[in-house]
Amino acid sequence: MEILMAASVPKPSLLPQISHRNQKCPRPLLLNCSRSTGESNSLSRAPLPRELGSPSSEVHQKNLKYIDDVKKEKPNDIWQLFKEAQQNIMYLNKQRLLAMEELDRVKNERNSLLDRVEQLEMKQNTNDRRGTLTISPELLLRIDSLVLNGVIGSTEASDLRRLVMDSRDSSTDDLNDLIYKSDAEFLAELRQFSNKSKKNGFHIIHISTEMSPVVSVGSLASYVTGLSCALQRKGNLVEVILPKYALLNLSEVQGLREVESQFYSFFDGQLHGNRIWTGTVYGIGVTFIEPVYYSSFFSQDKVYGYSNDFERFTYFSRAALDYLVKTGKQPDVLHIHNWHTSIVGPLFWDVFVNQGFEGTRILLTCQGFGSQCLEQPEKLALCGLDPSSLFQPDRLQDNNKSHLVNILKAGVVYSNKVIIMSSLQTKGQIISALGHGLESTLTIHKEKLVISPCGIDKSTWDPSSDKFLPQSYSADDMKGKSLCKVALQHHLGLPEGAVKILVGCIYSSILDGELEKLKTLVWMASRREAQFILIGSSQNPGMKKAFELFQEEVKDENVKFIDAYDEQLSHLIIAGSDILLCPSFDDPLHQVPLKAIKYGTAPIAVDFADDSRFRHTGENNAGRTKFSQYINSTFANMSLVQAIDEIKNNPSQWNKRIKDAMEKDFSWDSECADVHVSAYASVKCL
C-alpha cells in the first residue's frame, strides 16, 4: 500500500485511486515510502493523479484541502504548545523564585530565632553572673532611700541593713516580694522579717572613680567590678559609690532610679545639695552622687586630666562620707583607690570616725605610684581638714617637694592596709624601686603593705564558653583550638593549616624604638616559617605610617597587620595563636598574659627596653604571688625562638606545658580575692 508523505498523513481509506492514463504528461510526484511487499523502503517519487475533473477529483480536492489545513494548523499547534511550554517554564521559574524566597525567609527566621536564643542565653548567663545576691543590694539601696526621705532614722536603718545582710540565705521569693512593695509595706514587712542565718562575710563599700562597664579608663575599672563580683560569690556584701559622670554607660545598670530627696555635703565652707541615683551592676549595689551646685565637676567628656581634679575628687570623697553618715551605713571596710579617693583616709580618722564608724576600717588599693597629686596645703581646708595639723613630714607633706602635700601619701599613711596591685613584683622591689618618691613612706608603713595579682573575668574569658569563638575547647579537649586557628587564618587570608605555628601580638601603644624590636621579632618568626599577626590601634599618625611602611616592606603572605582593635577578633587571635607576644607580664589593663594562659596560648614576654627584666632564674620566690612564681618557672625564661623550636621538636612536652597552664585558675575568684579577704579580716582585728 502506498502512503502519501505530508505534514500529517490521512488514513489510507481516504486516499483516492491513482489513474495510470496519459503517462507521458509531466506531472508532480509524491514520495513513496513502501514497496509492493510492504517492507520499508527509502524515499522515492510517486505520480500524482492527473484527472482532476474526474468524479473522484472532488474527493481528491477535499483530501488535498485537508492536508493543507493540517499543514496550516500544525505549525499553529506547535506554536501554541511552545507558548504554553514557555508559560509553564515561566510559572515554574516564578514558583522556584517564590520557593527560594520562602526558604530565605525561613532561614532568616531560623537565624533570628538562634540569635534570640543566644541573646537569652547570654542574658541568662549575665543573670547567673549577677546571682541571687542582687537582692541584698536592692534592699539596702531601698533602705538608703527611706533614710534620705526621712521615713526612718539612721540607727534603725543600720539595724535593718544588718537584718538584710544576715538573712541573705533566706527564701529568694520572700526577698523578691519585698522589693516591689510600697515604702510603708516594705518597711513593715522588713521589720518583721525573720533572721534565719548568720552573716559570715564582710560588708565592703568601695569609694571609687571607676567601675566597669559603667565608667572605664584604666585597670581600676575592671579591678573594682571583678573583685566585687568575686567577693560576693564568696559570701561578702559589696557596694560601690561613684561620681555621676555625664559619660556613664548605664546599659548594664539594673533598676537605675533617682532618689527623690537630696542630701547635703560640706565643701569650701558650705553645705551643697547632691542628687542620688541607685542601681545594681552585676549584682553589686551602686550609688551615684551628682553635685547640684558643682554640676560642672563631672559633666565633662573625660574622667581625668583637668586642672581642678583635686577639687573634683575631693568634693566626691567628702560627699561619699556625708552620704554614709546620712544613710546610717556602718560597713566593715571602706575600700578606697589611688590618689583620687585617698583623701578619705584623713577625713575618716579626723572628722567621721565618731559618727557611727567605730567598727569601720580603711583599706587603700594602689594600681601604681606613678600618679600622686601634689597640691598646696591650704587646699585641704576645702573638704574640712586642718592643713596645719596635716602638713607634717610623717603625714601629708611630700617627701621631695616639701612645700606641697601629697594626696596619695595621705592614703598610705591613714589606711589600715594598703594593697598594691602587681602580678610580678615583690614588696621589696616596689619599695626600693617603684615608689616614685614615696620609698621612705612605704618603708615606714611596710607592715601594712600587701601585694595582690590581678585576675580575669572567667565569665567573659573562658574558651569553653566564649561566644566569639567558632568552636569551644578546654584543657581536656583541645580539638576546638585547632579549628579556631584555621578560622583565624581564613578570616585574615593567611595560608591555612593547623600545623603552622602562629604568633600573635596585641598591643595598645608602641613607641618608635619599640617598633624596631618588633620588626626583629617579625623577621625572626618569618624565617622559621611561622605566621605573625599584629593587632592594635596606632593613635599616633606617624606610628600608623611607620606600620604601613613596615607592612609594605615585609610583603609576606604569612604576616598580617590589623591597625584597628576589634574585641571579637582579639578573642579569636588569643584562641588561634600558639604564642602570644606580651610587652609585659605585669599587664593590669589588658591582662593579655592571663588570657593567653587560659586559652592554651604561650605568653612570651617582650620587654622592649630590657628582655632580661622578667627573667628571674634562681631568684627566691619568697613574697611573690602565685602567678609570679608560675610564670617565672614556666614562660619567663623562654624566648620566641625557643618556643617555636619546642613546638616543632618536642610537641609532647609543649602540649603538657600548655595543658598545665590552662588548668591554672588566675581569675578574680582565686588568689586576688583570697588576698583581699585576708586583708579585710586583718584590719577588722585592729
Foldseek 3Di string as FASTA:
>chain_A
DWWFDAPDTDDPVLDDDADCPPVVDDAFWTWTQADPVRDGDDTDTHGDHDCCVDPCNVSVVVVVVVRVVCVVVVVVVVVVVVVVVVVVVVVVVVVVVVVVVVVVVVVVVVVVVVVVVVVVVVVVLLDVLLNLLLLLLLLLVLLLLCLLVPVDDLVVSQVLNQQSLQQSVPDSVVSVVLNPDDPVVNVVVSVVDDRDGGQDAFEEEEEEAEAPPFHDDFLVRPQVPQLQSLRVVVRYAYAYEYAPALPTDCPQWAPKDKRPGWDWFAFQHDTFTWIWIWTDGSSHTYIYTATDVVNVLRHDPDSDDDPCLQVSLLRSLRVVLSSCLSNNHATQEYEYEALSNLLNLCCCVVPNCPSNHVLYFYEYEYQAQPDWDKDALVNNPRRPDDSVVQLDPLHFQQQPNRRTGTSRSNNLNRHQAYEYEWQADFLVCCLVPGNNRCNVVCVVSVVRYAYFYAFADCSDQAQQDHPLAPDRAALVGLPSLLVLQQVLCVVQVAPGDSLAAEEEEEDAEDDPLLVVVVLVVCVVCVVVVHAYEYEYAYPDPVVVVVVVVSCVVVPDSRYYYHHDDDPSSVSSSLSNHQEYEDLDCGGSGPNSCNSNLQNLHHYAYRPSVDLCPLAQPPHDCPRHDPSNVVCNVQHSPAHPVNSSCCVVPPVVVSSVSSSVSNPDHRHSNPRVNVSVSVSSVVRSVD
